[in-house]
Amino acid sequence: MTTQELEQEIEQTRRHLGQTVDELAAKADMKARAQVKAAEVRARARDRAAGLAGRARQSQVVQRRWPLAVAAGVLVAGSVAIWRWRKT
C-alpha cells in the first residue's frame, strides 16, 4: 500500500468512527429520545381527538335532522289519511 492509500483508509476509518460515535450519542441521549416519543404520542392523540370530534359533529347533524324527518313523515301520512277520508 502506498502512503496515499493508507491516508485515505485512515480518513475513511475516522469518518466511520465519527458516525458511529454520533449514533451512540444519539442513543444515549434519553431526554431527546423521550421528547421525540412524547411528540409522536401527542400527534397520535391529536389525530384521534380530531377523528372523534368529526364523528361527534356528524352525529349531532343526524340528531338535528331526525326530528325534521319524523315531522315530514307525519305530515305526509296525515295528508294521505285526510285525502282518503275525504274521498270516501
PDB file of N, CA and C in Angstrom:
ATOM      1  N   MET A   1       0.826  -1.176   0.000  1.00  0.00           N
ATOM      2  CA  MET A   1       0.000   0.000   0.000  1.00  0.00           C
ATOM      3  C   MET A   1       0.876   1.247   0.000  1.00  0.00           C
ATOM      4  N   THR A   2       0.388   2.199  -0.730  1.00  0.00           N
ATOM      5  CA  THR A   2       1.140   3.456  -0.777  1.00  0.00           C
ATOM      6  C   THR A   2       0.729   4.341   0.379  1.00  0.00           C
ATOM      7  N   THR A   3       1.481   5.370   0.586  1.00  0.00           N
ATOM      8  CA  THR A   3       1.205   6.317   1.659  1.00  0.00           C
ATOM      9  C   THR A   3      -0.142   6.993   1.445  1.00  0.00           C
ATOM     10  N   GLN A   4      -0.423   7.328   0.215  1.00  0.00           N
ATOM     11  CA  GLN A   4      -1.689   7.992  -0.110  1.00  0.00           C
ATOM     12  C   GLN A   4      -2.868   7.060   0.176  1.00  0.00           C
ATOM     13  N   GLU A   5      -2.766   5.796  -0.154  1.00  0.00           N
ATOM     14  CA  GLU A   5      -3.829   4.835   0.099  1.00  0.00           C
ATOM     15  C   GLU A   5      -4.052   4.657   1.600  1.00  0.00           C
ATOM     16  N   LEU A   6      -2.963   4.604   2.351  1.00  0.00           N
ATOM     17  CA  LEU A   6      -3.079   4.489   3.808  1.00  0.00           C
ATOM     18  C   LEU A   6      -3.774   5.712   4.411  1.00  0.00           C
ATOM     19  N   GLU A   7      -3.430   6.897   3.919  1.00  0.00           N
ATOM     20  CA  GLU A   7      -4.050   8.126   4.415  1.00  0.00           C
ATOM     21  C   GLU A   7      -5.551   8.144   4.094  1.00  0.00           C
ATOM     22  N   GLN A   8      -5.913   7.679   2.899  1.00  0.00           N
ATOM     23  CA  GLN A   8      -7.323   7.621   2.523  1.00  0.00           C
ATOM     24  C   GLN A   8      -8.079   6.628   3.407  1.00  0.00           C
ATOM     25  N   GLU A   9      -7.455   5.494   3.685  1.00  0.00           N
ATOM     26  CA  GLU A   9      -8.080   4.487   4.528  1.00  0.00           C
ATOM     27  C   GLU A   9      -8.253   5.010   5.958  1.00  0.00           C
ATOM     28  N   ILE A  10      -7.244   5.716   6.458  1.00  0.00           N
ATOM     29  CA  ILE A  10      -7.331   6.300   7.797  1.00  0.00           C
ATOM     30  C   ILE A  10      -8.450   7.327   7.855  1.00  0.00           C
ATOM     31  N   GLU A  11      -8.534   8.171   6.833  1.00  0.00           N
ATOM     32  CA  GLU A  11      -9.583   9.197   6.788  1.00  0.00           C
ATOM     33  C   GLU A  11     -10.968   8.551   6.734  1.00  0.00           C
ATOM     34  N   GLN A  12     -11.124   7.514   5.957  1.00  0.00           N
ATOM     35  CA  GLN A  12     -12.405   6.799   5.859  1.00  0.00           C
ATOM     36  C   GLN A  12     -12.756   6.172   7.216  1.00  0.00           C
ATOM     37  N   THR A  13     -11.764   5.597   7.878  1.00  0.00           N
ATOM     38  CA  THR A  13     -11.990   4.993   9.202  1.00  0.00           C
ATOM     39  C   THR A  13     -12.405   6.056  10.207  1.00  0.00           C
ATOM     40  N   ARG A  14     -11.789   7.235  10.152  1.00  0.00           N
ATOM     41  CA  ARG A  14     -12.142   8.337  11.055  1.00  0.00           C
ATOM     42  C   ARG A  14     -13.599   8.771  10.835  1.00  0.00           C
ATOM     43  N   ARG A  15     -13.992   8.898   9.561  1.00  0.00           N
ATOM     44  CA  ARG A  15     -15.378   9.288   9.263  1.00  0.00           C
ATOM     45  C   ARG A  15     -16.357   8.249   9.806  1.00  0.00           C
ATOM     46  N   HIS A  16     -16.041   6.985   9.558  1.00  0.00           N
ATOM     47  CA  HIS A  16     -16.900   5.898  10.023  1.00  0.00           C
ATOM     48  C   HIS A  16     -16.984   5.899  11.549  1.00  0.00           C
ATOM     49  N   LEU A  17     -15.848   6.088  12.210  1.00  0.00           N
ATOM     50  CA  LEU A  17     -15.820   6.138  13.666  1.00  0.00           C
ATOM     51  C   LEU A  17     -16.626   7.335  14.174  1.00  0.00           C
ATOM     52  N   GLY A  18     -16.501   8.463  13.498  1.00  0.00           N
ATOM     53  CA  GLY A  18     -17.272   9.656  13.872  1.00  0.00           C
ATOM     54  C   GLY A  18     -18.766   9.415  13.767  1.00  0.00           C
ATOM     55  N   GLN A  19     -19.201   8.751  12.690  1.00  0.00           N
ATOM     56  CA  GLN A  19     -20.625   8.435  12.522  1.00  0.00           C
ATOM     57  C   GLN A  19     -21.097   7.494  13.623  1.00  0.00           C
ATOM     58  N   THR A  20     -20.278   6.508  13.939  1.00  0.00           N
ATOM     59  CA  THR A  20     -20.631   5.555  14.988  1.00  0.00           C
ATOM     60  C   THR A  20     -20.769   6.243  16.337  1.00  0.00           C
ATOM     61  N   VAL A  21     -19.837   7.141  16.645  1.00  0.00           N
ATOM     62  CA  VAL A  21     -19.896   7.888  17.899  1.00  0.00           C
ATOM     63  C   VAL A  21     -21.164   8.744  17.938  1.00  0.00           C
ATOM     64  N   ASP A  22     -21.499   9.402  16.826  1.00  0.00           N
ATOM     65  CA  ASP A  22     -22.712  10.215  16.774  1.00  0.00           C
ATOM     66  C   ASP A  22     -23.964   9.369  16.999  1.00  0.00           C
ATOM     67  N   GLU A  23     -24.010   8.191  16.383  1.00  0.00           N
ATOM     68  CA  GLU A  23     -25.158   7.303  16.563  1.00  0.00           C
ATOM     69  C   GLU A  23     -25.280   6.841  18.008  1.00  0.00           C
ATOM     70  N   LEU A  24     -24.146   6.490  18.624  1.00  0.00           N
ATOM     71  CA  LEU A  24     -24.173   6.066  20.025  1.00  0.00           C
ATOM     72  C   LEU A  24     -24.587   7.209  20.945  1.00  0.00           C
ATOM     73  N   ALA A  25     -24.135   8.407  20.648  1.00  0.00           N
ATOM     74  CA  ALA A  25     -24.503   9.568  21.462  1.00  0.00           C
ATOM     75  C   ALA A  25     -26.003   9.832  21.348  1.00  0.00           C
ATOM     76  N   ALA A  26     -26.554   9.677  20.147  1.00  0.00           N
ATOM     77  CA  ALA A  26     -27.998   9.877  19.965  1.00  0.00           C
ATOM     78  C   ALA A  26     -28.790   8.837  20.757  1.00  0.00           C
ATOM     79  N   LYS A  27     -28.309   7.595  20.768  1.00  0.00           N
ATOM     80  CA  LYS A  27     -28.988   6.552  21.534  1.00  0.00           C
ATOM     81  C   LYS A  27     -28.892   6.818  23.030  1.00  0.00           C
ATOM     82  N   ALA A  28     -27.812   7.378  23.470  1.00  0.00           N
ATOM     83  CA  ALA A  28     -27.607   7.628  24.895  1.00  0.00           C
ATOM     84  C   ALA A  28     -28.355   8.866  25.378  1.00  0.00           C
ATOM     85  N   ASP A  29     -28.788   9.742  24.475  1.00  0.00           N
ATOM     86  CA  ASP A  29     -29.490  10.974  24.847  1.00  0.00           C
ATOM     87  C   ASP A  29     -30.956  10.646  25.139  1.00  0.00           C
ATOM     88  N   MET A  30     -31.216  10.199  26.355  1.00  0.00           N
ATOM     89  CA  MET A  30     -32.552   9.759  26.733  1.00  0.00           C
ATOM     90  C   MET A  30     -33.559  10.905  26.723  1.00  0.00           C
ATOM     91  N   LYS A  31     -33.122  12.094  27.080  1.00  0.00           N
ATOM     92  CA  LYS A  31     -34.034  13.238  27.106  1.00  0.00           C
ATOM     93  C   LYS A  31     -34.568  13.524  25.696  1.00  0.00           C
ATOM     94  N   ALA A  32     -33.686  13.535  24.715  1.00  0.00           N
ATOM     95  CA  ALA A  32     -34.103  13.788  23.340  1.00  0.00           C
ATOM     96  C   ALA A  32     -35.006  12.669  22.827  1.00  0.00           C
ATOM     97  N   ARG A  33     -34.669  11.431  23.154  1.00  0.00           N
ATOM     98  CA  ARG A  33     -35.496  10.301  22.727  1.00  0.00           C
ATOM     99  C   ARG A  33     -36.880  10.379  23.357  1.00  0.00           C
ATOM    100  N   ALA A  34     -36.941  10.771  24.635  1.00  0.00           N
ATOM    101  CA  ALA A  34     -38.230  10.906  25.316  1.00  0.00           C
ATOM    102  C   ALA A  34     -39.055  12.034  24.699  1.00  0.00           C
ATOM    103  N   GLN A  35     -38.392  13.124  24.316  1.00  0.00           N
ATOM    104  CA  GLN A  35     -39.111  14.230  23.680  1.00  0.00           C
ATOM    105  C   GLN A  35     -39.682  13.819  22.333  1.00  0.00           C
ATOM    106  N   VAL A  36     -38.918  13.059  21.570  1.00  0.00           N
ATOM    107  CA  VAL A  36     -39.402  12.585  20.270  1.00  0.00           C
ATOM    108  C   VAL A  36     -40.606  11.670  20.463  1.00  0.00           C
ATOM    109  N   LYS A  37     -40.504  10.755  21.418  1.00  0.00           N
ATOM    110  CA  LYS A  37     -41.600   9.825  21.691  1.00  0.00           C
ATOM    111  C   LYS A  37     -42.838  10.582  22.156  1.00  0.00           C
ATOM    112  N   ALA A  38     -42.658  11.578  23.023  1.00  0.00           N
ATOM    113  CA  ALA A  38     -43.781  12.374  23.513  1.00  0.00           C
ATOM    114  C   ALA A  38     -44.450  13.127  22.366  1.00  0.00           C
ATOM    115  N   ALA A  39     -43.664  13.645  21.451  1.00  0.00           N
ATOM    116  CA  ALA A  39     -44.224  14.349  20.292  1.00  0.00           C
ATOM    117  C   ALA A  39     -45.047  13.392  19.431  1.00  0.00           C
ATOM    118  N   GLU A  40     -44.563  12.169  19.258  1.00  0.00           N
ATOM    119  CA  GLU A  40     -45.307  11.182  18.485  1.00  0.00           C
ATOM    120  C   GLU A  40     -46.642  10.846  19.155  1.00  0.00           C
ATOM    121  N   VAL A  41     -46.606  10.667  20.465  1.00  0.00           N
ATOM    122  CA  VAL A  41     -47.829  10.340  21.204  1.00  0.00           C
ATOM    123  C   VAL A  41     -48.821  11.497  21.128  1.00  0.00           C
ATOM    124  N   ARG A  42     -48.312  12.742  21.271  1.00  0.00           N
ATOM    125  CA  ARG A  42     -49.199  13.908  21.161  1.00  0.00           C
ATOM    126  C   ARG A  42     -49.838  13.981  19.792  1.00  0.00           C
ATOM    127  N   ALA A  43     -49.070  13.707  18.746  1.00  0.00           N
ATOM    128  CA  ALA A  43     -49.612  13.759  17.386  1.00  0.00           C
ATOM    129  C   ALA A  43     -50.699  12.705  17.196  1.00  0.00           C
ATOM    130  N   ARG A  44     -50.444  11.495  17.709  1.00  0.00           N
ATOM    131  CA  ARG A  44     -51.471  10.448  17.589  1.00  0.00           C
ATOM    132  C   ARG A  44     -52.734  10.824  18.360  1.00  0.00           C
ATOM    133  N   ALA A  45     -52.570  11.382  19.551  1.00  0.00           N
ATOM    134  CA  ALA A  45     -53.720  11.788  20.363  1.00  0.00           C
ATOM    135  C   ALA A  45     -54.493  12.901  19.670  1.00  0.00           C
ATOM    136  N   ARG A  46     -53.777  13.842  19.071  1.00  0.00           N
ATOM    137  CA  ARG A  46     -54.423  14.944  18.363  1.00  0.00           C
ATOM    138  C   ARG A  46     -55.229  14.414  17.168  1.00  0.00           C
ATOM    139  N   ASP A  47     -54.644  13.468  16.429  1.00  0.00           N
ATOM    140  CA  ASP A  47     -55.348  12.873  15.290  1.00  0.00           C
ATOM    141  C   ASP A  47     -56.596  12.128  15.744  1.00  0.00           C
ATOM    142  N   ARG A  48     -56.455  11.366  16.828  1.00  0.00           N
ATOM    143  CA  ARG A  48     -57.602  10.604  17.335  1.00  0.00           C
ATOM    144  C   ARG A  48     -58.700  11.549  17.817  1.00  0.00           C
ATOM    145  N   ALA A  49     -58.321  12.620  18.509  1.00  0.00           N
ATOM    146  CA  ALA A  49     -59.298  13.592  19.001  1.00  0.00           C
ATOM    147  C   ALA A  49     -60.019  14.269  17.834  1.00  0.00           C
ATOM    148  N   ALA A  50     -59.278  14.591  16.793  1.00  0.00           N
ATOM    149  CA  ALA A  50     -59.906  15.215  15.621  1.00  0.00           C
ATOM    150  C   ALA A  50     -60.900  14.252  14.974  1.00  0.00           C
ATOM    151  N   GLY A  51     -60.544  12.984  14.895  1.00  0.00           N
ATOM    152  CA  GLY A  51     -61.451  11.994  14.324  1.00  0.00           C
ATOM    153  C   GLY A  51     -62.713  11.837  15.154  1.00  0.00           C
ATOM    154  N   LEU A  52     -62.553  11.801  16.466  1.00  0.00           N
ATOM    155  CA  LEU A  52     -63.718  11.676  17.343  1.00  0.00           C
ATOM    156  C   LEU A  52     -64.595  12.921  17.276  1.00  0.00           C
ATOM    157  N   ALA A  53     -63.969  14.087  17.190  1.00  0.00           N
ATOM    158  CA  ALA A  53     -64.738  15.328  17.095  1.00  0.00           C
ATOM    159  C   ALA A  53     -65.545  15.342  15.799  1.00  0.00           C
ATOM    160  N   GLY A  54     -64.957  14.864  14.728  1.00  0.00           N
ATOM    161  CA  GLY A  54     -65.677  14.794  13.452  1.00  0.00           C
ATOM    162  C   GLY A  54     -66.861  13.851  13.535  1.00  0.00           C
ATOM    163  N   ARG A  55     -66.653  12.728  14.182  1.00  0.00           N
ATOM    164  CA  ARG A  55     -67.757  11.776  14.329  1.00  0.00           C
ATOM    165  C   ARG A  55     -68.858  12.358  15.210  1.00  0.00           C
ATOM    166  N   ALA A  56     -68.478  13.094  16.255  1.00  0.00           N
ATOM    167  CA  ALA A  56     -69.468  13.709  17.134  1.00  0.00           C
ATOM    168  C   ALA A  56     -70.272  14.759  16.372  1.00  0.00           C
ATOM    169  N   ARG A  57     -69.584  15.579  15.559  1.00  0.00           N
ATOM    170  CA  ARG A  57     -70.290  16.587  14.759  1.00  0.00           C
ATOM    171  C   ARG A  57     -71.272  15.927  13.805  1.00  0.00           C
ATOM    172  N   GLN A  58     -70.842  14.849  13.174  1.00  0.00           N
ATOM    173  CA  GLN A  58     -71.704  14.143  12.228  1.00  0.00           C
ATOM    174  C   GLN A  58     -72.921  13.589  12.969  1.00  0.00           C
ATOM    175  N   SER A  59     -72.724  13.052  14.151  1.00  0.00           N
ATOM    176  CA  SER A  59     -73.821  12.518  14.949  1.00  0.00           C
ATOM    177  C   SER A  59     -74.801  13.626  15.325  1.00  0.00           C
ATOM    178  N   GLN A  60     -74.288  14.798  15.675  1.00  0.00           N
ATOM    179  CA  GLN A  60     -75.156  15.918  16.035  1.00  0.00           C
ATOM    180  C   GLN A  60     -75.987  16.367  14.847  1.00  0.00           C
ATOM    181  N   VAL A  61     -75.414  16.347  13.655  1.00  0.00           N
ATOM    182  CA  VAL A  61     -76.151  16.735  12.448  1.00  0.00           C
ATOM    183  C   VAL A  61     -77.290  15.754  12.218  1.00  0.00           C
ATOM    184  N   VAL A  62     -76.997  14.457  12.365  1.00  0.00           N
ATOM    185  CA  VAL A  62     -78.034  13.447  12.176  1.00  0.00           C
ATOM    186  C   VAL A  62     -79.120  13.628  13.226  1.00  0.00           C
ATOM    187  N   GLN A  63     -78.748  13.907  14.473  1.00  0.00           N
ATOM    188  CA  GLN A  63     -79.741  14.097  15.523  1.00  0.00           C
ATOM    189  C   GLN A  63     -80.604  15.325  15.261  1.00  0.00           C
ATOM    190  N   ARG A  64     -80.033  16.372  14.689  1.00  0.00           N
ATOM    191  CA  ARG A  64     -80.810  17.569  14.381  1.00  0.00           C
ATOM    192  C   ARG A  64     -81.768  17.317  13.225  1.00  0.00           C
ATOM    193  N   ARG A  65     -81.364  16.499  12.275  1.00  0.00           N
ATOM    194  CA  ARG A  65     -82.211  16.233  11.114  1.00  0.00           C
ATOM    195  C   ARG A  65     -83.310  15.222  11.426  1.00  0.00           C
ATOM    196  N   TRP A  66     -83.111  14.391  12.422  1.00  0.00           N
ATOM    197  CA  TRP A  66     -84.068  13.334  12.737  1.00  0.00           C
ATOM    198  C   TRP A  66     -85.464  13.884  13.031  1.00  0.00           C
ATOM    199  N   PRO A  67     -85.629  14.902  13.873  1.00  0.00           N
ATOM    200  CA  PRO A  67     -86.980  15.419  14.122  1.00  0.00           C
ATOM    201  C   PRO A  67     -87.631  15.974  12.852  1.00  0.00           C
ATOM    202  N   LEU A  68     -86.852  16.570  11.988  1.00  0.00           N
ATOM    203  CA  LEU A  68     -87.415  17.077  10.735  1.00  0.00           C
ATOM    204  C   LEU A  68     -87.935  15.942   9.873  1.00  0.00           C
ATOM    205  N   ALA A  69     -87.207  14.854   9.817  1.00  0.00           N
ATOM    206  CA  ALA A  69     -87.638  13.702   9.027  1.00  0.00           C
ATOM    207  C   ALA A  69     -88.910  13.107   9.606  1.00  0.00           C
ATOM    208  N   VAL A  70     -89.002  13.021  10.924  1.00  0.00           N
ATOM    209  CA  VAL A  70     -90.207  12.486  11.569  1.00  0.00           C
ATOM    210  C   VAL A  70     -91.393  13.403  11.301  1.00  0.00           C
ATOM    211  N   ALA A  71     -91.166  14.710  11.436  1.00  0.00           N
ATOM    212  CA  ALA A  71     -92.249  15.662  11.191  1.00  0.00           C
ATOM    213  C   ALA A  71     -92.726  15.591   9.748  1.00  0.00           C
ATOM    214  N   ALA A  72     -91.796  15.470   8.815  1.00  0.00           N
ATOM    215  CA  ALA A  72     -92.176  15.365   7.410  1.00  0.00           C
ATOM    216  C   ALA A  72     -92.970  14.082   7.167  1.00  0.00           C
ATOM    217  N   GLY A  73     -92.548  12.980   7.782  1.00  0.00           N
ATOM    218  CA  GLY A  73     -93.262  11.712   7.629  1.00  0.00           C
ATOM    219  C   GLY A  73     -94.670  11.787   8.188  1.00  0.00           C
ATOM    220  N   VAL A  74     -94.816  12.413   9.351  1.00  0.00           N
ATOM    221  CA  VAL A  74     -96.145  12.565   9.957  1.00  0.00           C
ATOM    222  C   VAL A  74     -97.025  13.436   9.082  1.00  0.00           C
ATOM    223  N   LEU A  75     -96.453  14.499   8.548  1.00  0.00           N
ATOM    224  CA  LEU A  75     -97.208  15.399   7.684  1.00  0.00           C
ATOM    225  C   LEU A  75     -97.693  14.679   6.435  1.00  0.00           C
ATOM    226  N   VAL A  76     -96.834  13.897   5.802  1.00  0.00           N
ATOM    227  CA  VAL A  76     -97.219  13.155   4.598  1.00  0.00           C
ATOM    228  C   VAL A  76     -98.279  12.116   4.946  1.00  0.00           C
ATOM    229  N   ALA A  77     -98.060  11.380   6.022  1.00  0.00           N
ATOM    230  CA  ALA A  77     -99.027  10.343   6.412  1.00  0.00           C
ATOM    231  C   ALA A  77    -100.379  10.978   6.750  1.00  0.00           C
ATOM    232  N   GLY A  78    -100.356  12.092   7.441  1.00  0.00           N
ATOM    233  CA  GLY A  78    -101.606  12.779   7.773  1.00  0.00           C
ATOM    234  C   GLY A  78    -102.318  13.283   6.536  1.00  0.00           C
ATOM    235  N   SER A  79    -101.557  13.820   5.587  1.00  0.00           N
ATOM    236  CA  SER A  79    -102.163  14.310   4.345  1.00  0.00           C
ATOM    237  C   SER A  79    -102.810  13.171   3.571  1.00  0.00           C
ATOM    238  N   VAL A  80    -102.141  12.049   3.497  1.00  0.00           N
ATOM    239  CA  VAL A  80    -102.699  10.889   2.796  1.00  0.00           C
ATOM    240  C   VAL A  80    -103.956  10.405   3.510  1.00  0.00           C
ATOM    241  N   ALA A  81    -103.946  10.378   4.830  1.00  0.00           N
ATOM    242  CA  ALA A  81    -105.114   9.924   5.597  1.00  0.00           C
ATOM    243  C   ALA A  81    -106.289  10.862   5.371  1.00  0.00           C
ATOM    244  N   ILE A  82    -106.049  12.172   5.396  1.00  0.00           N
ATOM    245  CA  ILE A  82    -107.128  13.153   5.164  1.00  0.00           C
ATOM    246  C   ILE A  82    -107.654  13.023   3.743  1.00  0.00           C
ATOM    247  N   TRP A  83    -106.771  12.862   2.796  1.00  0.00           N
ATOM    248  CA  TRP A  83    -107.189  12.728   1.390  1.00  0.00           C
ATOM    249  C   TRP A  83    -108.076  11.496   1.215  1.00  0.00           C
ATOM    250  N   ARG A  84    -107.702  10.377   1.818  1.00  0.00           N
ATOM    251  CA  ARG A  84    -108.511   9.156   1.713  1.00  0.00           C
ATOM    252  C   ARG A  84    -109.847   9.325   2.442  1.00  0.00           C
ATOM    253  N   TRP A  85    -109.814  10.000   3.575  1.00  0.00           N
ATOM    254  CA  TRP A  85    -111.039  10.185   4.345  1.00  0.00           C
ATOM    255  C   TRP A  85    -112.035  11.038   3.592  1.00  0.00           C
ATOM    256  N   ARG A  86    -111.539  12.090   2.897  1.00  0.00           N
ATOM    257  CA  ARG A  86    -112.421  12.965   2.116  1.00  0.00           C
ATOM    258  C   ARG A  86    -112.934  12.265   0.886  1.00  0.00           C
ATOM    259  N   LYS A  87    -112.161  11.342   0.358  1.00  0.00           N
ATOM    260  CA  LYS A  87    -112.510  10.643  -0.862  1.00  0.00           C
ATOM    261  C   LYS A  87    -113.697   9.694  -0.619  1.00  0.00           C
ATOM    262  N   THR A  88    -113.851   9.216   0.585  1.00  0.00           N
ATOM    263  CA  THR A  88    -114.931   8.252   0.855  1.00  0.00           C
ATOM    264  C   THR A  88    -116.212   8.903   1.266  1.00  0.00           C
TER     265      THR A  88
END
